[in-house]
């Protein structure tokens, strides 16, 4: 009888084996897949803005975060089920590098290309949402601005630590999704950890590529002046420390930890 899911060692080995794709996958294919991931995460981010508008005032901050995290998880569901290259999940390529299945240079090349693709996809959807006028003169606009300002004014240390905690959960969601053998299982595996990181207030670099630029575009189109909402704060105050934190969270706490437990000193196998 076939197991209904992969065991932890099998899932870890499967992720390691999948990392070998960077040896043969063309840059063009990787770039298009990364564009799609940027769009998918941005779809989840914009939906969380719409769903949570006004909720904190009526049902409390906790419920607003829970609802926001619940709908935001659609982003990773689309990445996992439909296929895409997401930078935060690709920190798990470190497993294959640690197992000497791919060179570290290939890992870094993949990260660089995927970050660019994710950024273009996410910021493109940010512009499209503002240009659609769906948020014009709505509470969703105020929600989008509030979220972005809070993210743009974090200290480096806070943003870095929240980035670690975020991608620790994101990569565990990827491991669980790989372990699941049917669509329902993969969706549930994506939902719970992603809901948890959003509800907890952790920071995801690709999501922030949508949240903050969307608010900057919105403020510009509405003639709203917000000193803390600018490109410098987006890149330097938020994106750099969050991205570094995401790398540590994914590489150290998931890729390295499970490589040490299940792959170190053994032949790679997903059987």
Protein backbone atom coordinates (compact mmCIF):
# COMPACT_ATOMS: atom_id res chain seq x y z
CA UNK A 1 0.00 0.00 0.00
CA UNK A 2 1.40 3.37 -1.00
CA UNK A 3 2.06 5.81 1.82
CA UNK A 4 -0.22 8.84 1.78
CA UNK A 5 2.71 11.16 2.43
CA UNK A 6 6.50 11.17 2.42
CA UNK A 7 8.34 10.70 5.69
CA UNK A 8 10.59 13.59 6.82
CA UNK A 9 13.78 11.91 5.48
CA UNK A 10 12.04 11.19 2.16
CA UNK A 11 10.73 14.76 1.85
CA UNK A 12 14.16 16.22 2.62
CA UNK A 13 15.80 13.94 0.05
CA UNK A 14 13.16 14.85 -2.55
CA UNK A 15 13.82 18.57 -2.01
CA UNK A 16 17.55 17.97 -2.31
CA UNK A 17 17.09 16.03 -5.54
CA UNK A 18 14.79 18.71 -6.95
CA UNK A 19 17.54 21.26 -6.35
CA UNK A 20 19.53 19.61 -9.13
CA UNK A 21 17.22 21.35 -11.62
CA UNK A 22 19.47 24.43 -11.48
CA UNK A 23 22.12 22.45 -13.38
CA UNK A 24 19.94 22.12 -16.48
CA UNK A 25 17.13 24.69 -16.26
CA UNK A 26 17.66 27.61 -18.64
CA UNK A 27 17.89 31.17 -17.25
CA UNK A 28 14.89 32.16 -19.37
CA UNK A 29 12.71 29.45 -17.85
CA UNK A 30 13.89 30.34 -14.35
CA UNK A 31 13.16 34.02 -14.94
CA UNK A 32 9.61 33.43 -16.21
CA UNK A 33 8.88 31.10 -13.29
CA UNK A 34 10.20 33.74 -10.89
CA UNK A 35 8.00 36.42 -12.50
CA UNK A 36 5.00 34.17 -11.90
CA UNK A 37 5.96 33.66 -8.26
CA UNK A 38 6.17 37.44 -7.78
CA UNK A 39 2.65 37.79 -9.20
CA UNK A 40 1.30 34.90 -7.11
CA UNK A 41 2.64 36.22 -3.80
CA UNK A 42 1.39 39.70 -4.73
CA UNK A 43 -2.10 38.30 -5.39
CA UNK A 44 -2.14 36.92 -1.86
CA UNK A 45 -0.80 40.19 -0.45
CA UNK A 46 -3.40 42.38 -2.15
CA UNK A 47 -6.16 40.00 -1.06
CA UNK A 48 -5.00 40.26 2.56
CA UNK A 49 -5.28 44.07 2.32
CA UNK A 50 -8.83 43.88 0.98
CA UNK A 51 -10.03 41.25 3.46
CA UNK A 52 -8.58 42.91 6.56
CA UNK A 53 -9.83 46.45 5.92
CA UNK A 54 -11.78 47.55 8.98
CA UNK A 55 -11.53 44.18 10.74
CA UNK A 56 -9.20 45.32 13.52
CA UNK A 57 -11.66 48.01 14.60
CA UNK A 58 -14.61 45.62 14.82
CA UNK A 59 -13.13 42.19 15.62
CA UNK A 60 -9.68 42.95 17.02
CA UNK A 61 -6.13 42.93 15.70
CA UNK A 62 -5.71 39.20 16.26
CA UNK A 63 -8.67 38.29 14.07
CA UNK A 64 -7.53 40.75 11.39
CA UNK A 65 -4.11 39.09 11.28
CA UNK A 66 -5.65 35.63 11.20
CA UNK A 67 -7.89 36.52 8.27
CA UNK A 68 -5.07 38.27 6.47
CA UNK A 69 -2.78 35.28 6.89
CA UNK A 70 -5.50 32.88 5.81
CA UNK A 71 -6.04 34.56 2.44
CA UNK A 72 -2.37 35.48 1.96
CA UNK A 73 -1.53 31.76 1.91
CA UNK A 74 -3.06 31.50 -1.57
CA UNK A 75 0.24 32.91 -2.86
CA UNK A 76 2.32 29.91 -1.80
CA UNK A 77 -0.48 27.55 -2.84
CA UNK A 78 -0.22 28.91 -6.38
CA UNK A 79 3.57 28.66 -6.33
CA UNK A 80 3.53 25.05 -5.13
CA UNK A 81 0.60 23.68 -7.12
CA UNK A 82 0.99 25.63 -10.37
CA UNK A 83 4.78 25.79 -10.31
CA UNK A 84 6.99 28.86 -9.88
CA UNK A 85 10.39 29.94 -8.55
CA UNK A 86 10.08 31.79 -5.24
CA UNK A 87 13.23 33.20 -3.65
CA UNK A 88 12.28 32.38 -0.08
CA UNK A 89 11.52 28.77 -0.92
CA UNK A 90 14.67 28.55 -3.03
CA UNK A 91 16.82 29.04 0.05
CA UNK A 92 16.24 25.28 0.37
CA UNK A 93 18.65 24.84 -2.57
CA UNK A 94 21.26 24.94 0.17
CA UNK A 95 20.37 21.30 0.90
CA UNK A 96 21.60 20.21 -2.53
CA UNK A 97 24.71 22.36 -2.20
CA UNK A 98 25.52 20.95 1.23
CA UNK A 99 25.12 17.46 -0.24
CA UNK A 100 27.49 18.48 -3.06
CA UNK A 101 24.87 17.83 -5.71
CA UNK A 102 25.13 21.39 -7.05
CA UNK A 103 27.86 24.05 -6.65
CA UNK A 104 27.18 27.01 -4.37
CA UNK A 105 27.77 29.32 -7.34
CA UNK A 106 24.65 27.85 -8.98
CA UNK A 107 22.68 28.54 -5.80
CA UNK A 108 23.75 32.18 -5.74
CA UNK A 109 23.07 32.61 -9.45
CA UNK A 110 19.58 31.19 -8.97
CA UNK A 111 18.87 33.45 -6.00
CA UNK A 112 20.01 36.56 -7.89
CA UNK A 113 17.88 35.80 -10.96
CA UNK A 114 14.84 34.73 -8.93
CA UNK A 115 14.95 37.81 -6.69
CA UNK A 116 14.93 40.04 -9.78
CA UNK A 117 12.03 38.11 -11.32
CA UNK A 118 10.05 38.08 -8.07
CA UNK A 119 10.61 41.83 -7.70
CA UNK A 120 9.43 42.65 -11.21
CA UNK A 121 6.34 40.45 -10.85
CA UNK A 122 5.38 41.82 -7.44
CA UNK A 123 5.95 45.48 -8.28
CA UNK A 124 4.11 45.08 -11.59
CA UNK A 125 1.03 43.82 -9.79
CA UNK A 126 1.38 46.65 -7.27
CA UNK A 127 1.21 49.15 -10.13
CA UNK A 128 -1.71 47.32 -11.75
CA UNK A 129 -3.71 47.33 -8.51
CA UNK A 130 -3.27 51.07 -8.05
CA UNK A 131 -3.99 51.75 -11.73
CA UNK A 132 -7.18 49.67 -11.51
CA UNK A 133 -8.61 52.28 -9.07
CA UNK A 134 -10.12 49.47 -7.01
CA UNK A 135 -8.60 50.97 -3.86
CA UNK A 136 -9.37 54.61 -4.66
CA UNK A 137 -11.12 56.38 -1.77
CA UNK A 138 -11.63 53.12 0.13
CA UNK A 139 -10.60 51.80 3.50
CA UNK A 140 -8.38 49.33 1.64
CA UNK A 141 -6.21 52.28 0.59
CA UNK A 142 -5.78 53.33 4.21
CA UNK A 143 -4.98 49.74 5.14
CA UNK A 144 -2.36 49.49 2.40
CA UNK A 145 -0.70 52.74 3.52
CA UNK A 146 -0.74 51.73 7.19
CA UNK A 147 0.84 48.33 6.49
CA UNK A 148 3.59 49.87 4.36
CA UNK A 149 4.46 52.62 6.84
CA UNK A 150 4.80 50.11 9.67
CA UNK A 151 7.09 47.96 7.54
CA UNK A 152 9.15 50.96 6.38
CA UNK A 153 9.91 52.16 9.90
CA UNK A 154 11.22 48.94 11.47
CA UNK A 155 14.72 48.88 12.91
CA UNK A 156 17.30 46.82 11.01
CA UNK A 157 17.46 44.29 13.84
CA UNK A 158 13.68 43.88 14.09
CA UNK A 159 13.29 43.49 10.31
CA UNK A 160 16.14 40.97 10.19
CA UNK A 161 14.77 38.83 13.02
CA UNK A 162 11.23 38.92 11.63
CA UNK A 163 12.69 37.82 8.30
CA UNK A 164 14.36 34.82 9.95
CA UNK A 165 11.16 33.75 11.68
CA UNK A 166 9.11 34.21 8.51
CA UNK A 167 11.19 32.05 6.22
CA UNK A 168 11.65 29.39 8.86
CA UNK A 169 7.89 28.84 8.59
CA UNK A 170 7.74 29.33 4.81
CA UNK A 171 10.38 26.67 4.21
CA UNK A 172 8.67 24.28 6.62
CA UNK A 173 5.51 24.82 4.56
CA UNK A 174 7.47 23.85 1.43
CA UNK A 175 8.81 20.71 3.14
CA UNK A 176 5.29 19.76 4.21
CA UNK A 177 3.91 20.44 0.73
CA UNK A 178 6.56 18.20 -0.82
CA UNK A 179 5.67 15.49 1.70
CA UNK A 180 1.98 15.68 0.73
CA UNK A 181 0.98 13.51 -2.23
CA UNK A 182 -2.33 15.12 -3.21
CA UNK A 183 -3.54 18.65 -3.93
CA UNK A 184 -5.62 18.91 -0.75
CA UNK A 185 -2.63 17.94 1.35
CA UNK A 186 -0.36 20.45 -0.40
CA UNK A 187 -2.91 23.24 0.08
CA UNK A 188 -3.26 22.49 3.79
CA UNK A 189 0.52 22.27 4.15
CA UNK A 190 0.84 25.75 2.63
CA UNK A 191 -2.04 27.24 4.60
CA UNK A 192 -1.10 26.60 8.23
CA UNK A 193 2.53 27.85 8.35
CA UNK A 194 1.81 30.82 6.08
CA UNK A 195 -1.22 31.86 8.12
CA UNK A 196 1.00 31.54 11.22
CA UNK A 197 3.77 33.79 9.93
CA UNK A 198 1.40 36.52 8.74
CA UNK A 199 -0.68 36.43 11.92
CA UNK A 200 2.53 36.62 13.95
CA UNK A 201 3.72 39.73 12.11
CA UNK A 202 6.84 38.25 10.51
CA UNK A 203 8.42 39.73 7.36
CA UNK A 204 8.52 38.17 3.89
CA UNK A 205 10.80 39.86 1.35
CA UNK A 206 8.75 39.05 -1.75
CA UNK A 207 5.47 40.06 -0.12
CA UNK A 208 7.08 43.37 0.83
CA UNK A 209 8.02 43.87 -2.82
CA UNK A 210 4.27 44.32 -3.27
CA UNK A 211 3.14 45.92 -0.01
CA UNK A 212 5.51 48.87 0.10
CA UNK A 213 5.68 49.81 -3.62
CA UNK A 214 1.87 49.54 -3.83
CA UNK A 215 1.57 52.07 -1.01
CA UNK A 216 4.18 54.35 -2.62
CA UNK A 217 2.27 54.27 -5.93
CA UNK A 218 -1.00 54.83 -4.07
CA UNK A 219 0.31 57.80 -2.11
CA UNK A 220 1.77 59.35 -5.27
CA UNK A 221 -1.43 58.94 -7.29
CA UNK A 222 -3.54 60.32 -4.43
CA UNK A 223 -1.28 63.27 -3.66
CA UNK A 224 -0.65 62.01 -0.12
CA UNK A 225 2.69 62.98 1.45
CA UNK A 226 4.04 60.40 3.90
CA UNK A 227 7.70 61.08 4.81
CA UNK A 228 8.42 57.50 5.91
CA UNK A 229 7.02 56.01 2.72
CA UNK A 230 9.79 56.21 0.13
CA UNK A 231 12.08 54.02 -1.97
CA UNK A 232 15.05 54.45 0.36
CA UNK A 233 13.12 53.08 3.33
CA UNK A 234 11.74 50.31 1.15
CA UNK A 235 15.14 49.05 0.02
CA UNK A 236 17.43 49.94 2.93
CA UNK A 237 15.20 49.86 5.99
CA UNK A 238 13.05 46.91 4.99
CA UNK A 239 14.03 44.84 1.95
CA UNK A 240 17.74 44.36 2.69
CA UNK A 241 17.42 43.23 6.34
CA UNK A 242 14.31 41.16 5.64
CA UNK A 243 15.99 39.41 2.70
CA UNK A 244 19.06 38.63 4.79
CA UNK A 245 16.81 37.32 7.55
CA UNK A 246 14.88 35.18 5.06
CA UNK A 247 18.17 33.64 3.90
CA UNK A 248 19.21 32.79 7.46
CA UNK A 249 15.78 31.41 8.32
CA UNK A 250 15.62 29.15 5.29
CA UNK A 251 19.25 28.07 5.04
CA UNK A 252 20.19 27.65 8.71
CA UNK A 253 16.98 26.60 10.43
CA UNK A 254 15.53 24.38 7.70
CA UNK A 255 18.03 23.46 4.95
CA UNK A 256 21.06 22.95 7.18
CA UNK A 257 19.12 21.50 10.10
CA UNK A 258 17.42 18.79 8.06
CA UNK A 259 20.50 18.15 5.93
CA UNK A 260 22.39 17.46 9.18
CA UNK A 261 19.62 15.17 10.45
CA UNK A 262 18.89 13.12 7.33
CA UNK A 263 21.45 13.64 4.56
CA UNK A 264 24.88 14.29 6.09
CA UNK A 265 27.26 11.45 5.40
CA UNK A 266 24.76 9.45 3.38
CA UNK A 267 23.99 8.92 -0.30
CA UNK A 268 21.18 11.14 -1.55
CA UNK A 269 17.96 9.23 -2.13
CA UNK A 270 14.26 10.07 -2.14
CA UNK A 271 13.24 6.43 -1.76
